[in-house]
C-alpha cells in the first residue's frame, strides 16, 4: 500500500507541473489525481478489540469548461481498508472498499471584478 501512495503522490506532482506549463493556452479539459489517506483509531469494548488499518487511496478529478466562467466537474475516489476484530472466539478481519463520487458546477469569477473592489 505504501508503494501506491508514493506512485499517487508522484502522479499528482507531475499533473500539477503539467497544468502550470500549459497555463498560457486555454484548455477546456482538466484532469487531476490526488492521494488520500484514512487514519483511524483502535477501539475496544464488551470483550471485543477492533483494529483498523491505516490505508491510502486515490481521488481522480475531471473538469470540463463550457466557457471562461462556467465548468462542470466530476470526482471519483477509492480506498480499501481492513477492520480486524479480536474476540474470545478468535481473530477475524473484514475488508471494506470505499467508493466516493461527487459532481459540481463551478463558476469562476473574472479577475478584473476583484480589481474594482
PDB file of N, CA and C in Angstrom:
ATOM      1  N   UNK A   1       0.822  -1.185   0.000  1.00  0.00           N
ATOM      2  CA  UNK A   1       0.000   0.000   0.000  1.00  0.00           C
ATOM      3  C   UNK A   1       0.870   1.254   0.000  1.00  0.00           C
ATOM      4  N   UNK A   2       2.015   1.194   0.655  1.00  0.00           N
ATOM      5  CA  UNK A   2       2.920   2.351   0.688  1.00  0.00           C
ATOM      6  C   UNK A   2       3.393   2.706  -0.726  1.00  0.00           C
ATOM      7  N   UNK A   3       3.616   1.674  -1.548  1.00  0.00           N
ATOM      8  CA  UNK A   3       4.034   1.915  -2.925  1.00  0.00           C
ATOM      9  C   UNK A   3       2.965   2.655  -3.706  1.00  0.00           C
ATOM     10  N   UNK A   4       1.698   2.345  -3.460  1.00  0.00           N
ATOM     11  CA  UNK A   4       0.593   3.029  -4.139  1.00  0.00           C
ATOM     12  C   UNK A   4       0.545   4.501  -3.757  1.00  0.00           C
ATOM     13  N   UNK A   5       0.809   4.786  -2.490  1.00  0.00           N
ATOM     14  CA  UNK A   5       0.805   6.173  -2.033  1.00  0.00           C
ATOM     15  C   UNK A   5       1.928   6.954  -2.701  1.00  0.00           C
ATOM     16  N   UNK A   6       3.106   6.351  -2.809  1.00  0.00           N
ATOM     17  CA  UNK A   6       4.237   7.013  -3.457  1.00  0.00           C
ATOM     18  C   UNK A   6       3.934   7.273  -4.932  1.00  0.00           C
ATOM     19  N   UNK A   7       3.365   6.289  -5.616  1.00  0.00           N
ATOM     20  CA  UNK A   7       3.026   6.454  -7.031  1.00  0.00           C
ATOM     21  C   UNK A   7       1.965   7.536  -7.200  1.00  0.00           C
ATOM     22  N   UNK A   8       0.946   7.537  -6.348  1.00  0.00           N
ATOM     23  CA  UNK A   8      -0.113   8.543  -6.440  1.00  0.00           C
ATOM     24  C   UNK A   8       0.425   9.947  -6.187  1.00  0.00           C
ATOM     25  N   UNK A   9       1.319  10.082  -5.214  1.00  0.00           N
ATOM     26  CA  UNK A   9       1.927  11.382  -4.936  1.00  0.00           C
ATOM     27  C   UNK A   9       2.765  11.855  -6.115  1.00  0.00           C
ATOM     28  N   UNK A  10       3.517  10.953  -6.723  1.00  0.00           N
ATOM     29  CA  UNK A  10       4.322  11.298  -7.889  1.00  0.00           C
ATOM     30  C   UNK A  10       3.438  11.754  -9.044  1.00  0.00           C
ATOM     31  N   UNK A  11       2.356  11.030  -9.305  1.00  0.00           N
ATOM     32  CA  UNK A  11       1.450  11.407 -10.390  1.00  0.00           C
ATOM     33  C   UNK A  11       0.797  12.757 -10.135  1.00  0.00           C
ATOM     34  N   UNK A  12       0.427  13.035  -8.885  1.00  0.00           N
ATOM     35  CA  UNK A  12      -0.162  14.330  -8.554  1.00  0.00           C
ATOM     36  C   UNK A  12       0.829  15.460  -8.827  1.00  0.00           C
ATOM     37  N   UNK A  13       2.092  15.248  -8.490  1.00  0.00           N
ATOM     38  CA  UNK A  13       3.113  16.263  -8.746  1.00  0.00           C
ATOM     39  C   UNK A  13       3.311  16.481 -10.242  1.00  0.00           C
ATOM     40  N   UNK A  14       3.340  15.394 -11.002  1.00  0.00           N
ATOM     41  CA  UNK A  14       3.518  15.513 -12.459  1.00  0.00           C
ATOM     42  C   UNK A  14       2.349  16.277 -13.071  1.00  0.00           C
ATOM     43  N   UNK A  15       1.125  15.953 -12.672  1.00  0.00           N
ATOM     44  CA  UNK A  15      -0.037  16.638 -13.220  1.00  0.00           C
ATOM     45  C   UNK A  15      -0.060  18.108 -12.837  1.00  0.00           C
ATOM     46  N   UNK A  16       0.364  18.451 -11.620  1.00  0.00           N
ATOM     47  CA  UNK A  16       0.342  19.853 -11.219  1.00  0.00           C
ATOM     48  C   UNK A  16       1.365  20.660 -12.013  1.00  0.00           C
ATOM     49  N   UNK A  17       2.542  20.099 -12.304  1.00  0.00           N
ATOM     50  CA  UNK A  17       3.523  20.800 -13.111  1.00  0.00           C
ATOM     51  C   UNK A  17       3.078  20.893 -14.566  1.00  0.00           C
ATOM     52  N   UNK A  18       2.386  19.884 -15.053  1.00  0.00           N
ATOM     53  CA  UNK A  18       1.888  19.905 -16.420  1.00  0.00           C
ATOM     54  C   UNK A  18       0.862  21.018 -16.589  1.00  0.00           C
ATOM     55  N   UNK A  19      -0.021  21.191 -15.625  1.00  0.00           N
ATOM     56  CA  UNK A  19      -1.026  22.245 -15.710  1.00  0.00           C
ATOM     57  C   UNK A  19      -0.360  23.618 -15.708  1.00  0.00           C
ATOM     58  N   UNK A  20       0.682  23.804 -14.929  1.00  0.00           N
ATOM     59  CA  UNK A  20       1.367  25.092 -14.894  1.00  0.00           C
ATOM     60  C   UNK A  20       2.072  25.373 -16.210  1.00  0.00           C
ATOM     61  N   UNK A  21       2.573  24.346 -16.868  1.00  0.00           N
ATOM     62  CA  UNK A  21       3.296  24.535 -18.120  1.00  0.00           C
ATOM     63  C   UNK A  21       2.375  24.946 -19.258  1.00  0.00           C
ATOM     64  N   UNK A  22       1.130  24.514 -19.233  1.00  0.00           N
ATOM     65  CA  UNK A  22       0.220  24.851 -20.326  1.00  0.00           C
ATOM     66  C   UNK A  22      -0.780  25.925 -19.920  1.00  0.00           C
ATOM     67  N   UNK A  23      -0.482  26.674 -18.871  1.00  0.00           N
ATOM     68  CA  UNK A  23      -1.409  27.675 -18.369  1.00  0.00           C
ATOM     69  C   UNK A  23      -1.615  28.834 -19.339  1.00  0.00           C
ATOM     70  N   UNK A  24      -0.672  29.064 -20.256  1.00  0.00           N
ATOM     71  CA  UNK A  24      -0.808  30.174 -21.187  1.00  0.00           C
ATOM     72  C   UNK A  24      -1.919  29.915 -22.211  1.00  0.00           C
ATOM     73  N   UNK A  25      -2.156  28.676 -22.569  1.00  0.00           N
ATOM     74  CA  UNK A  25      -3.184  28.345 -23.537  1.00  0.00           C
ATOM     75  C   UNK A  25      -4.464  27.982 -22.815  1.00  0.00           C
ATOM     76  N   UNK A  26      -5.611  28.300 -23.433  1.00  0.00           N
ATOM     77  CA  UNK A  26      -6.893  27.950 -22.830  1.00  0.00           C
ATOM     78  C   UNK A  26      -7.164  26.478 -23.077  1.00  0.00           C
ATOM     79  N   UNK A  27      -7.245  25.714 -22.006  1.00  0.00           N
ATOM     80  CA  UNK A  27      -7.516  24.284 -22.102  1.00  0.00           C
ATOM     81  C   UNK A  27      -8.903  24.029 -21.536  1.00  0.00           C
ATOM     82  N   UNK A  28      -9.759  23.372 -22.275  1.00  0.00           N
ATOM     83  CA  UNK A  28     -11.134  23.153 -21.862  1.00  0.00           C
ATOM     84  C   UNK A  28     -11.287  21.918 -20.976  1.00  0.00           C
ATOM     85  N   UNK A  29     -10.249  21.099 -20.880  1.00  0.00           N
ATOM     86  CA  UNK A  29     -10.306  19.879 -20.077  1.00  0.00           C
ATOM     87  C   UNK A  29      -9.210  19.925 -19.016  1.00  0.00           C
ATOM     88  N   UNK A  30      -9.555  19.532 -17.805  1.00  0.00           N
ATOM     89  CA  UNK A  30      -8.574  19.418 -16.719  1.00  0.00           C
ATOM     90  C   UNK A  30      -8.737  18.050 -16.061  1.00  0.00           C
ATOM     91  N   UNK A  31      -7.616  17.397 -15.778  1.00  0.00           N
ATOM     92  CA  UNK A  31      -7.619  16.117 -15.079  1.00  0.00           C
ATOM     93  C   UNK A  31      -6.607  16.214 -13.950  1.00  0.00           C
ATOM     94  N   UNK A  32      -6.992  15.748 -12.766  1.00  0.00           N
ATOM     95  CA  UNK A  32      -6.038  15.723 -11.660  1.00  0.00           C
ATOM     96  C   UNK A  32      -6.182  14.409 -10.905  1.00  0.00           C
ATOM     97  N   UNK A  33      -5.090  13.989 -10.300  1.00  0.00           N
ATOM     98  CA  UNK A  33      -5.059  12.779  -9.493  1.00  0.00           C
ATOM     99  C   UNK A  33      -4.449  13.146  -8.147  1.00  0.00           C
ATOM    100  N   UNK A  34      -5.094  12.721  -7.070  1.00  0.00           N
ATOM    101  CA  UNK A  34      -4.616  13.039  -5.733  1.00  0.00           C
ATOM    102  C   UNK A  34      -4.566  11.778  -4.883  1.00  0.00           C
ATOM    103  N   UNK A  35      -3.660  11.771  -3.942  1.00  0.00           N
ATOM    104  CA  UNK A  35      -3.574  10.669  -2.983  1.00  0.00           C
ATOM    105  C   UNK A  35      -4.412  11.023  -1.763  1.00  0.00           C
ATOM    106  N   UNK A  36      -5.074  10.029  -1.193  1.00  0.00           N
ATOM    107  CA  UNK A  36      -5.861  10.224   0.018  1.00  0.00           C
ATOM    108  C   UNK A  36      -5.375   9.257   1.089  1.00  0.00           C
ATOM    109  N   UNK A  37      -5.709   9.532   2.315  1.00  0.00           N
ATOM    110  CA  UNK A  37      -5.334   8.654   3.414  1.00  0.00           C
ATOM    111  C   UNK A  37      -6.443   8.563   4.441  1.00  0.00           C
ATOM    112  N   UNK A  38      -6.601   7.377   5.003  1.00  0.00           N
ATOM    113  CA  UNK A  38      -7.568   7.153   6.082  1.00  0.00           C
ATOM    114  C   UNK A  38      -6.774   6.653   7.291  1.00  0.00           C
ATOM    115  N   UNK A  39      -6.817   7.410   8.370  1.00  0.00           N
ATOM    116  CA  UNK A  39      -6.084   7.078   9.580  1.00  0.00           C
ATOM    117  C   UNK A  39      -7.089   7.010  10.722  1.00  0.00           C
ATOM    118  N   UNK A  40      -7.307   5.828  11.251  1.00  0.00           N
ATOM    119  CA  UNK A  40      -8.337   5.617  12.259  1.00  0.00           C
ATOM    120  C   UNK A  40      -7.720   5.167  13.583  1.00  0.00           C
ATOM    121  N   UNK A  41      -8.535   5.195  14.611  1.00  0.00           N
ATOM    122  CA  UNK A  41      -8.079   4.795  15.933  1.00  0.00           C
ATOM    123  C   UNK A  41      -8.635   3.412  16.267  1.00  0.00           C
ATOM    124  N   UNK A  42      -7.931   2.706  17.113  1.00  0.00           N
ATOM    125  CA  UNK A  42      -8.403   1.415  17.605  1.00  0.00           C
ATOM    126  C   UNK A  42      -9.474   1.644  18.666  1.00  0.00           C
ATOM    127  N   UNK A  43     -10.339   0.652  18.840  1.00  0.00           N
ATOM    128  CA  UNK A  43     -11.357   0.749  19.884  1.00  0.00           C
ATOM    129  C   UNK A  43     -11.554  -0.611  20.527  1.00  0.00           C
ATOM    130  N   UNK A  44     -12.096  -0.601  21.737  1.00  0.00           N
ATOM    131  CA  UNK A  44     -12.392  -1.853  22.422  1.00  0.00           C
ATOM    132  C   UNK A  44     -13.572  -1.648  23.352  1.00  0.00           C
ATOM    133  N   UNK A  45     -14.306  -2.735  23.579  1.00  0.00           N
ATOM    134  CA  UNK A  45     -15.462  -2.702  24.465  1.00  0.00           C
ATOM    135  C   UNK A  45     -16.206  -4.022  24.394  1.00  0.00           C
ATOM    136  N   UNK A  46     -16.832  -4.428  25.473  1.00  0.00           N
ATOM    137  CA  UNK A  46     -17.592  -5.680  25.550  1.00  0.00           C
ATOM    138  C   UNK A  46     -16.753  -6.900  25.161  1.00  0.00           C
ATOM    139  N   UNK A  47     -15.487  -6.879  25.500  1.00  0.00           N
ATOM    140  CA  UNK A  47     -14.618  -8.013  25.201  1.00  0.00           C
ATOM    141  C   UNK A  47     -14.166  -8.101  23.757  1.00  0.00           C
ATOM    142  N   UNK A  48     -14.417  -7.073  22.961  1.00  0.00           N
ATOM    143  CA  UNK A  48     -14.022  -7.072  21.546  1.00  0.00           C
ATOM    144  C   UNK A  48     -13.035  -5.933  21.324  1.00  0.00           C
ATOM    145  N   UNK A  49     -11.929  -6.248  20.670  1.00  0.00           N
ATOM    146  CA  UNK A  49     -10.936  -5.241  20.306  1.00  0.00           C
ATOM    147  C   UNK A  49     -10.999  -5.072  18.793  1.00  0.00           C
ATOM    148  N   UNK A  50     -11.128  -3.827  18.329  1.00  0.00           N
ATOM    149  CA  UNK A  50     -11.173  -3.560  16.896  1.00  0.00           C
ATOM    150  C   UNK A  50      -9.962  -2.743  16.505  1.00  0.00           C
ATOM    151  N   UNK A  51      -9.217  -3.249  15.530  1.00  0.00           N
ATOM    152  CA  UNK A  51      -8.061  -2.556  14.988  1.00  0.00           C
ATOM    153  C   UNK A  51      -8.343  -2.299  13.513  1.00  0.00           C
ATOM    154  N   UNK A  52      -8.247  -1.044  13.095  1.00  0.00           N
ATOM    155  CA  UNK A  52      -8.468  -0.683  11.702  1.00  0.00           C
ATOM    156  C   UNK A  52      -7.146  -0.265  11.098  1.00  0.00           C
ATOM    157  N   UNK A  53      -6.839  -0.795   9.936  1.00  0.00           N
ATOM    158  CA  UNK A  53      -5.573  -0.474   9.297  1.00  0.00           C
ATOM    159  C   UNK A  53      -5.618   0.929   8.700  1.00  0.00           C
ATOM    160  N   UNK A  54      -4.500   1.616   8.752  1.00  0.00           N
ATOM    161  CA  UNK A  54      -4.367   2.882   8.042  1.00  0.00           C
ATOM    162  C   UNK A  54      -4.172   2.549   6.575  1.00  0.00           C
ATOM    163  N   UNK A  55      -4.815   3.325   5.710  1.00  0.00           N
ATOM    164  CA  UNK A  55      -4.741   2.970   4.292  1.00  0.00           C
ATOM    165  C   UNK A  55      -4.689   4.218   3.425  1.00  0.00           C
ATOM    166  N   UNK A  56      -4.247   4.008   2.216  1.00  0.00           N
ATOM    167  CA  UNK A  56      -4.177   5.076   1.230  1.00  0.00           C
ATOM    168  C   UNK A  56      -5.129   4.797   0.093  1.00  0.00           C
ATOM    169  N   UNK A  57      -5.494   5.843  -0.594  1.00  0.00           N
ATOM    170  CA  UNK A  57      -6.417   5.698  -1.715  1.00  0.00           C
ATOM    171  C   UNK A  57      -6.106   6.714  -2.795  1.00  0.00           C
ATOM    172  N   UNK A  58      -7.034   6.847  -3.707  1.00  0.00           N
ATOM    173  CA  UNK A  58      -6.849   7.692  -4.878  1.00  0.00           C
ATOM    174  C   UNK A  58      -8.098   8.518  -5.120  1.00  0.00           C
ATOM    175  N   UNK A  59      -7.933   9.770  -5.524  1.00  0.00           N
ATOM    176  CA  UNK A  59      -9.033  10.637  -5.903  1.00  0.00           C
ATOM    177  C   UNK A  59      -8.724  11.192  -7.290  1.00  0.00           C
ATOM    178  N   UNK A  60      -9.626  10.944  -8.240  1.00  0.00           N
ATOM    179  CA  UNK A  60      -9.443  11.396  -9.624  1.00  0.00           C
ATOM    180  C   UNK A  60     -10.493  12.461  -9.916  1.00  0.00           C
ATOM    181  N   UNK A  61     -10.071  13.558 -10.533  1.00  0.00           N
ATOM    182  CA  UNK A  61     -10.951  14.680 -10.818  1.00  0.00           C
ATOM    183  C   UNK A  61     -10.907  15.002 -12.304  1.00  0.00           C
ATOM    184  N   UNK A  62     -12.079  15.297 -12.885  1.00  0.00           N
ATOM    185  CA  UNK A  62     -12.158  15.755 -14.280  1.00  0.00           C
ATOM    186  C   UNK A  62     -13.034  17.005 -14.314  1.00  0.00           C
ATOM    187  N   UNK A  63     -12.563  18.035 -14.996  1.00  0.00           N
ATOM    188  CA  UNK A  63     -13.323  19.284 -15.142  1.00  0.00           C
ATOM    189  C   UNK A  63     -13.366  19.684 -16.610  1.00  0.00           C
ATOM    190  N   UNK A  64     -14.577  20.010 -17.078  1.00  0.00           N
ATOM    191  CA  UNK A  64     -14.772  20.477 -18.447  1.00  0.00           C
ATOM    192  C   UNK A  64     -15.301  21.905 -18.401  1.00  0.00           C
ATOM    193  N   UNK A  65     -14.611  22.819 -19.112  1.00  0.00           N
ATOM    194  CA  UNK A  65     -15.004  24.226 -19.152  1.00  0.00           C
ATOM    195  C   UNK A  65     -15.923  24.463 -20.345  1.00  0.00           C
ATOM    196  N   UNK A  66     -17.123  24.966 -20.073  1.00  0.00           N
ATOM    197  CA  UNK A  66     -18.045  25.329 -21.153  1.00  0.00           C
ATOM    198  C   UNK A  66     -17.638  26.661 -21.775  1.00  0.00           C
ATOM    199  N   UNK A  67     -17.178  27.576 -20.944  1.00  0.00           N
ATOM    200  CA  UNK A  67     -16.661  28.871 -21.394  1.00  0.00           C
ATOM    201  C   UNK A  67     -15.681  29.356 -20.325  1.00  0.00           C
ATOM    202  N   UNK A  68     -15.337  30.645 -20.354  1.00  0.00           N
ATOM    203  CA  UNK A  68     -14.327  31.155 -19.421  1.00  0.00           C
ATOM    204  C   UNK A  68     -14.781  31.176 -17.963  1.00  0.00           C
ATOM    205  N   UNK A  69     -16.081  31.136 -17.708  1.00  0.00           N
ATOM    206  CA  UNK A  69     -16.553  31.272 -16.337  1.00  0.00           C
ATOM    207  C   UNK A  69     -17.377  30.098 -15.821  1.00  0.00           C
ATOM    208  N   UNK A  70     -17.763  29.134 -16.668  1.00  0.00           N
ATOM    209  CA  UNK A  70     -18.617  28.032 -16.245  1.00  0.00           C
ATOM    210  C   UNK A  70     -17.988  26.684 -16.598  1.00  0.00           C
ATOM    211  N   UNK A  71     -17.965  25.777 -15.619  1.00  0.00           N
ATOM    212  CA  UNK A  71     -17.382  24.443 -15.830  1.00  0.00           C
ATOM    213  C   UNK A  71     -18.191  23.409 -15.054  1.00  0.00           C
ATOM    214  N   UNK A  72     -18.111  22.161 -15.496  1.00  0.00           N
ATOM    215  CA  UNK A  72     -18.699  21.027 -14.790  1.00  0.00           C
ATOM    216  C   UNK A  72     -17.560  20.145 -14.308  1.00  0.00           C
ATOM    217  N   UNK A  73     -17.726  19.578 -13.119  1.00  0.00           N
ATOM    218  CA  UNK A  73     -16.655  18.797 -12.511  1.00  0.00           C
ATOM    219  C   UNK A  73     -17.214  17.477 -11.984  1.00  0.00           C
ATOM    220  N   UNK A  74     -16.436  16.406 -12.137  1.00  0.00           N
ATOM    221  CA  UNK A  74     -16.796  15.095 -11.603  1.00  0.00           C
ATOM    222  C   UNK A  74     -15.582  14.522 -10.872  1.00  0.00           C
ATOM    223  N   UNK A  75     -15.821  13.885  -9.722  1.00  0.00           N
ATOM    224  CA  UNK A  75     -14.752  13.303  -8.906  1.00  0.00           C
ATOM    225  C   UNK A  75     -15.082  11.857  -8.584  1.00  0.00           C
ATOM    226  N   UNK A  76     -14.039  11.027  -8.525  1.00  0.00           N
ATOM    227  CA  UNK A  76     -14.192   9.646  -8.080  1.00  0.00           C
ATOM    228  C   UNK A  76     -13.052   9.321  -7.124  1.00  0.00           C
ATOM    229  N   UNK A  77     -13.387   8.744  -5.990  1.00  0.00           N
ATOM    230  CA  UNK A  77     -12.378   8.358  -5.007  1.00  0.00           C
ATOM    231  C   UNK A  77     -12.530   6.900  -4.616  1.00  0.00           C
ATOM    232  N   UNK A  78     -11.407   6.269  -4.311  1.00  0.00           N
ATOM    233  CA  UNK A  78     -11.407   4.859  -3.910  1.00  0.00           C
ATOM    234  C   UNK A  78     -10.419   4.652  -2.776  1.00  0.00           C
ATOM    235  N   UNK A  79     -10.828   3.828  -1.809  1.00  0.00           N
ATOM    236  CA  UNK A  79      -9.972   3.497  -0.683  1.00  0.00           C
ATOM    237  C   UNK A  79     -10.333   2.097  -0.196  1.00  0.00           C
ATOM    238  N   UNK A  80      -9.346   1.291   0.133  1.00  0.00           N
ATOM    239  CA  UNK A  80      -9.575  -0.046   0.690  1.00  0.00           C
ATOM    240  C   UNK A  80      -9.028  -0.074   2.111  1.00  0.00           C
ATOM    241  N   UNK A  81      -9.835  -0.577   3.022  1.00  0.00           N
ATOM    242  CA  UNK A  81      -9.476  -0.586   4.433  1.00  0.00           C
ATOM    243  C   UNK A  81      -9.837  -1.953   5.016  1.00  0.00           C
ATOM    244  N   UNK A  82      -9.080  -2.421   6.007  1.00  0.00           N
ATOM    245  CA  UNK A  82      -9.362  -3.702   6.653  1.00  0.00           C
ATOM    246  C   UNK A  82      -9.624  -3.479   8.140  1.00  0.00           C
ATOM    247  N   UNK A  83     -10.750  -3.998   8.611  1.00  0.00           N
ATOM    248  CA  UNK A  83     -11.094  -3.958  10.032  1.00  0.00           C
ATOM    249  C   UNK A  83     -10.732  -5.319  10.615  1.00  0.00           C
ATOM    250  N   UNK A  84      -9.910  -5.332  11.640  1.00  0.00           N
ATOM    251  CA  UNK A  84      -9.512  -6.571  12.301  1.00  0.00           C
ATOM    252  C   UNK A  84     -10.142  -6.609  13.682  1.00  0.00           C
ATOM    253  N   UNK A  85     -10.882  -7.687  13.956  1.00  0.00           N
ATOM    254  CA  UNK A  85     -11.561  -7.856  15.241  1.00  0.00           C
ATOM    255  C   UNK A  85     -10.913  -8.997  16.009  1.00  0.00           C
ATOM    256  N   UNK A  86     -10.717  -8.797  17.290  1.00  0.00           N
ATOM    257  CA  UNK A  86     -10.161  -9.814  18.173  1.00  0.00           C
ATOM    258  C   UNK A  86     -11.207 -10.106  19.244  1.00  0.00           C
ATOM    259  N   UNK A  87     -11.790 -11.307  19.191  1.00  0.00           N
ATOM    260  CA  UNK A  87     -12.840 -11.704  20.134  1.00  0.00           C
ATOM    261  C   UNK A  87     -12.392 -12.947  20.885  1.00  0.00           C
ATOM    262  N   UNK A  88     -13.227 -13.376  21.820  1.00  0.00           N
ATOM    263  CA  UNK A  88     -12.903 -14.599  22.563  1.00  0.00           C
ATOM    264  C   UNK A  88     -12.959 -15.820  21.646  1.00  0.00           C
ATOM    265  N   UNK A  89     -13.708 -15.753  20.550  1.00  0.00           N
ATOM    266  CA  UNK A  89     -13.779 -16.845  19.582  1.00  0.00           C
ATOM    267  C   UNK A  89     -12.599 -16.863  18.625  1.00  0.00           C
ATOM    268  N   UNK A  90     -11.768 -15.852  18.655  1.00  0.00           N
ATOM    269  CA  UNK A  90     -10.606 -15.778  17.781  1.00  0.00           C
ATOM    270  C   UNK A  90     -10.639 -14.530  16.906  1.00  0.00           C
ATOM    271  N   UNK A  91      -9.531 -14.234  16.244  1.00  0.00           N
ATOM    272  CA  UNK A  91      -9.476 -13.028  15.410  1.00  0.00           C
ATOM    273  C   UNK A  91     -10.128 -13.265  14.042  1.00  0.00           C
ATOM    274  N   UNK A  92     -10.654 -12.203  13.476  1.00  0.00           N
ATOM    275  CA  UNK A  92     -11.137 -12.241  12.098  1.00  0.00           C
ATOM    276  C   UNK A  92     -11.091 -10.830  11.528  1.00  0.00           C
ATOM    277  N   UNK A  93     -11.075 -10.743  10.210  1.00  0.00           N
ATOM    278  CA  UNK A  93     -10.973  -9.458   9.538  1.00  0.00           C
ATOM    279  C   UNK A  93     -12.076  -9.261   8.516  1.00  0.00           C
ATOM    280  N   UNK A  94     -12.442  -8.013   8.319  1.00  0.00           N
ATOM    281  CA  UNK A  94     -13.444  -7.644   7.322  1.00  0.00           C
ATOM    282  C   UNK A  94     -12.831  -6.550   6.464  1.00  0.00           C
ATOM    283  N   UNK A  95     -12.831  -6.781   5.156  1.00  0.00           N
ATOM    284  CA  UNK A  95     -12.274  -5.797   4.238  1.00  0.00           C
ATOM    285  C   UNK A  95     -13.384  -4.879   3.742  1.00  0.00           C
ATOM    286  N   UNK A  96     -13.118  -3.585   3.720  1.00  0.00           N
ATOM    287  CA  UNK A  96     -14.104  -2.597   3.288  1.00  0.00           C
ATOM    288  C   UNK A  96     -13.530  -1.788   2.130  1.00  0.00           C
ATOM    289  N   UNK A  97     -14.284  -1.706   1.042  1.00  0.00           N
ATOM    290  CA  UNK A  97     -13.919  -0.868  -0.097  1.00  0.00           C
ATOM    291  C   UNK A  97     -14.807   0.367  -0.071  1.00  0.00           C
ATOM    292  N   UNK A  98     -14.207   1.539  -0.059  1.00  0.00           N
ATOM    293  CA  UNK A  98     -14.956   2.787  -0.030  1.00  0.00           C
ATOM    294  C   UNK A  98     -14.870   3.447  -1.397  1.00  0.00           C
ATOM    295  N   UNK A  99     -16.019   3.762  -1.965  1.00  0.00           N
ATOM    296  CA  UNK A  99     -16.094   4.475  -3.239  1.00  0.00           C
ATOM    297  C   UNK A  99     -16.781   5.813  -2.984  1.00  0.00           C
ATOM    298  N   UNK A 100     -16.280   6.860  -3.628  1.00  0.00           N
ATOM    299  CA  UNK A 100     -16.837   8.198  -3.453  1.00  0.00           C
ATOM    300  C   UNK A 100     -17.018   8.819  -4.831  1.00  0.00           C
ATOM    301  N   UNK A 101     -18.182   9.380  -5.087  1.00  0.00           N
ATOM    302  CA  UNK A 101     -18.412  10.113  -6.328  1.00  0.00           C
ATOM    303  C   UNK A 101     -19.079  11.438  -5.990  1.00  0.00           C
ATOM    304  N   UNK A 102     -18.639  12.486  -6.645  1.00  0.00           N
ATOM    305  CA  UNK A 102     -19.250  13.800  -6.485  1.00  0.00           C
ATOM    306  C   UNK A 102     -19.279  14.496  -7.832  1.00  0.00           C
ATOM    307  N   UNK A 103     -20.159  15.447  -7.959  1.00  0.00           N
ATOM    308  CA  UNK A 103     -20.244  16.273  -9.150  1.00  0.00           C
ATOM    309  C   UNK A 103     -20.519  17.704  -8.733  1.00  0.00           C
ATOM    310  N   UNK A 104     -20.100  18.651  -9.554  1.00  0.00           N
ATOM    311  CA  UNK A 104     -20.287  20.056  -9.199  1.00  0.00           C
ATOM    312  C   UNK A 104     -20.345  20.914 -10.451  1.00  0.00           C
ATOM    313  N   UNK A 105     -21.006  22.028 -10.312  1.00  0.00           N
ATOM    314  CA  UNK A 105     -20.996  23.075 -11.310  1.00  0.00           C
ATOM    315  C   UNK A 105     -20.108  24.177 -10.757  1.00  0.00           C
ATOM    316  N   UNK A 106     -19.076  24.576 -11.493  1.00  0.00           N
ATOM    317  CA  UNK A 106     -18.070  25.511 -10.994  1.00  0.00           C
ATOM    318  C   UNK A 106     -18.187  26.835 -11.735  1.00  0.00           C
ATOM    319  N   UNK A 107     -18.306  27.913 -10.971  1.00  0.00           N
ATOM    320  CA  UNK A 107     -18.361  29.257 -11.549  1.00  0.00           C
ATOM    321  C   UNK A 107     -17.080  29.979 -11.170  1.00  0.00           C
ATOM    322  N   UNK A 108     -16.362  30.481 -12.173  1.00  0.00           N
ATOM    323  CA  UNK A 108     -15.108  31.203 -11.954  1.00  0.00           C
ATOM    324  C   UNK A 108     -15.361  32.684 -12.200  1.00  0.00           C
ATOM    325  N   UNK A 109     -15.166  33.498 -11.178  1.00  0.00           N
ATOM    326  CA  UNK A 109     -15.361  34.936 -11.328  1.00  0.00           C
ATOM    327  C   UNK A 109     -14.180  35.538 -12.079  1.00  0.00           C
ATOM    328  N   UNK A 110     -14.442  36.493 -12.949  1.00  0.00           N
ATOM    329  CA  UNK A 110     -13.333  37.136 -13.668  1.00  0.00           C
ATOM    330  C   UNK A 110     -12.437  37.899 -12.699  1.00  0.00           C
ATOM    331  N   UNK A 111     -11.148  37.926 -12.995  1.00  0.00           N
ATOM    332  CA  UNK A 111     -10.202  38.581 -12.084  1.00  0.00           C
ATOM    333  C   UNK A 111     -10.370  40.088 -12.083  1.00  0.00           C
ATOM    334  N   UNK A 112     -10.844  40.683 -13.156  1.00  0.00           N
ATOM    335  CA  UNK A 112     -10.981  42.151 -13.182  1.00  0.00           C
ATOM    336  C   UNK A 112     -12.122  42.622 -12.278  1.00  0.00           C
ATOM    337  N   UNK A 113     -13.069  41.742 -11.917  1.00  0.00           N
ATOM    338  CA  UNK A 113     -14.135  42.162 -10.995  1.00  0.00           C
ATOM    339  C   UNK A 113     -13.582  42.401  -9.591  1.00  0.00           C
ATOM    340  N   UNK A 114     -12.512  41.727  -9.225  1.00  0.00           N
ATOM    341  CA  UNK A 114     -11.896  41.940  -7.919  1.00  0.00           C
ATOM    342  C   UNK A 114     -11.060  43.226  -7.901  1.00  0.00           C
ATOM    343  N   UNK A 115     -10.588  43.675  -9.062  1.00  0.00           N
ATOM    344  CA  UNK A 115      -9.753  44.867  -9.125  1.00  0.00           C
ATOM    345  C   UNK A 115     -10.550  46.116  -8.778  1.00  0.00           C
ATOM    346  N   UNK A 116     -11.867  46.099  -9.017  1.00  0.00           N
ATOM    347  CA  UNK A 116     -12.675  47.298  -8.743  1.00  0.00           C
ATOM    348  C   UNK A 116     -13.067  47.399  -7.287  1.00  0.00           C
ATOM    349  N   UNK A 117     -12.799  46.391  -6.465  1.00  0.00           N
ATOM    350  CA  UNK A 117     -13.188  46.429  -5.057  1.00  0.00           C
ATOM    351  C   UNK A 117     -12.274  47.331  -4.325  1.00  0.00           C
TER     352      UNK A 117
END
